[in-house]
Every structure is written in structure tokens, then in C-alpha cells.
Amino acid sequence: MPATPNKYRISDIIKALILTTIVVSILGYVDYITGEISIDILYILCLCVVTWYTGTFVGMLCVIELFFAKTTADYYDNIKIGSHLYGWNALNYLLIYVLVCILVGKLKKVLSK
């Protein structure tokens, strides 16, 4: 018997997005304050938790929020080392976040069977 997919109400998704936005905003601010100290593992942990509990769609919305938070924090850090690679780094962040979101979504689907 195939597993039935989880159906979430719109209000649950909106609550998850609001909570995700608050957490990502805090992470972006902490990333800005810390400067060159990387907190990428916290971004990825947030993405994994959101994708695991809400699904890949909300996870992809979280990817967009994480991407903007991370690139904005990096832009306003005014770090001169590697500033010519800003676009390349932003693309790498986006690809890693999308890959993690998809993999966590697939993992949850496989484990729920």
C-alpha cells in the first residue's frame, strides 16, 4: 500500500513561512555581524529542518530566503578578499541550497515508505 502524501492546510504553510522568515532574518543578521566567520552550517541546518517538516515546495521558498540573506550579508560585510568572485560565490550558494533541499525531500520520501 503506497504511503499517502501529507496534506497541509494553507494556514500551516503560512505559519511555517513566517517562522522560517524570522529564523532566516536572524541568521542573516548574525552572519553580517560575524563577518568572515562562516555560519553556513546554520543556514543548511535551517533548510534541512524546514524541508523535512514542510516539504520540498516550502523548502524551495526557504532556499530563496536563505540565498538573499546570505548574499546580502556577504555584500554588506565589505570584505575585500574574494570580492571579484561575488557572483560565483552567490551561484554556488544557490546550487548547494537547492541540492540540499532536493536531497532532504527525497530522503524523507524514501524513509516514509
Protein backbone atom coordinates (compact mmCIF):
# COMPACT_ATOMS: atom_id res chain seq x y z
CA MET A 1 0.00 0.00 0.00
CA PRO A 2 1.57 3.32 -1.02
CA ALA A 3 2.08 5.97 1.58
CA THR A 4 -0.39 8.81 1.46
CA PRO A 5 1.20 12.21 0.91
CA ASN A 6 0.99 14.73 3.70
CA LYS A 7 -1.59 17.41 3.08
CA TYR A 8 -1.02 20.69 4.84
CA ARG A 9 -3.52 23.47 5.28
CA ILE A 10 -2.68 26.87 3.86
CA SER A 11 -2.57 28.32 7.37
CA ASP A 12 0.09 25.76 8.37
CA ILE A 13 2.22 26.68 5.36
CA ILE A 14 1.88 30.40 6.10
CA LYS A 15 2.87 29.84 9.74
CA ALA A 16 5.90 27.82 8.61
CA LEU A 17 6.92 30.56 6.16
CA ILE A 18 6.59 33.27 8.81
CA LEU A 19 8.68 31.28 11.27
CA THR A 20 11.23 30.49 8.56
CA THR A 21 11.45 34.16 7.61
CA ILE A 22 12.11 35.15 11.22
CA VAL A 23 14.80 32.49 11.67
CA VAL A 24 16.47 33.32 8.34
CA SER A 25 16.45 37.04 9.19
CA ILE A 26 18.18 36.32 12.49
CA LEU A 27 20.71 34.08 10.73
CA GLY A 28 21.39 36.77 8.13
CA TYR A 29 21.98 39.36 10.84
CA VAL A 30 24.30 37.02 12.76
CA ASP A 31 26.15 36.30 9.50
CA TYR A 32 26.55 40.03 8.93
CA ILE A 33 27.84 40.60 12.47
CA THR A 34 30.32 37.72 12.39
CA GLY A 35 31.92 38.94 9.16
CA GLU A 36 34.34 36.41 7.73
CA ILE A 37 33.36 33.68 10.18
CA SER A 38 31.16 31.33 8.21
CA ILE A 39 27.84 30.16 9.63
CA ASP A 40 26.81 28.26 6.50
CA ILE A 41 26.13 25.13 8.54
CA LEU A 42 23.35 27.01 10.36
CA TYR A 43 21.79 28.03 7.04
CA ILE A 44 21.88 24.41 5.86
CA LEU A 45 20.52 23.12 9.17
CA CYS A 46 17.60 25.56 8.93
CA LEU A 47 16.94 24.43 5.34
CA CYS A 48 17.02 20.75 6.34
CA VAL A 49 14.55 21.25 9.19
CA VAL A 50 12.15 23.29 7.04
CA THR A 51 12.28 20.84 4.14
CA TRP A 52 11.89 17.81 6.40
CA TYR A 53 8.81 19.09 8.21
CA THR A 54 7.04 21.02 5.45
CA GLY A 55 8.12 19.50 2.13
CA THR A 56 10.16 20.47 -0.88
CA PHE A 57 7.93 23.35 -2.01
CA VAL A 58 8.30 25.31 1.22
CA GLY A 59 11.94 24.22 1.29
CA MET A 60 12.48 25.91 -2.07
CA LEU A 61 10.89 29.08 -0.73
CA CYS A 62 13.33 28.81 2.17
CA VAL A 63 16.17 28.45 -0.36
CA ILE A 64 15.20 31.80 -1.85
CA GLU A 65 15.13 33.44 1.57
CA LEU A 66 18.47 31.87 2.54
CA PHE A 67 20.04 32.94 -0.74
CA PHE A 68 19.02 36.56 -0.25
CA ALA A 69 20.07 36.58 3.41
CA LYS A 70 23.49 35.04 2.70
CA THR A 71 24.32 37.17 -0.34
CA THR A 72 23.12 40.36 1.37
CA ALA A 73 25.22 39.63 4.46
CA ASP A 74 28.25 38.93 2.26
CA TYR A 75 27.68 42.08 0.22
CA TYR A 76 27.48 44.38 3.24
CA ASP A 77 30.42 42.78 5.04
CA ASN A 78 32.74 44.92 2.89
CA ILE A 79 35.31 42.14 2.80
CA LYS A 80 37.81 42.80 0.07
CA ILE A 81 39.16 39.25 -0.11
CA GLY A 82 37.45 37.43 -2.97
CA SER A 83 35.13 40.32 -3.80
CA HIS A 84 35.75 39.75 -7.51
CA LEU A 85 34.21 36.29 -7.09
CA TYR A 86 30.99 37.55 -5.50
CA GLY A 87 28.77 36.37 -8.38
CA TRP A 88 30.43 32.96 -8.50
CA ASN A 89 30.04 32.52 -4.74
CA ALA A 90 26.37 33.51 -4.92
CA LEU A 91 25.74 30.92 -7.64
CA ASN A 92 27.48 28.25 -5.54
CA TYR A 93 25.33 29.11 -2.51
CA LEU A 94 22.19 28.81 -4.59
CA LEU A 95 23.20 25.47 -6.10
CA ILE A 96 24.18 23.98 -2.74
CA TYR A 97 20.95 25.10 -1.08
CA VAL A 98 18.80 23.72 -3.93
CA LEU A 99 20.71 20.43 -3.87
CA VAL A 100 20.33 20.06 -0.10
CA CYS A 101 16.60 20.85 -0.32
CA ILE A 102 16.01 18.25 -3.02
CA LEU A 103 18.07 15.59 -1.25
CA VAL A 104 16.31 16.09 2.09
CA GLY A 105 12.93 15.95 0.35
CA LYS A 106 13.87 12.70 -1.42
CA LEU A 107 15.30 11.24 1.79
CA LYS A 108 12.08 11.92 3.68
CA LYS A 109 10.05 10.37 0.87
CA VAL A 110 12.20 7.23 0.81
CA LEU A 111 12.21 6.84 4.60
CA SER A 112 8.43 7.29 4.86
CA LYS A 113 7.72 4.31 2.59
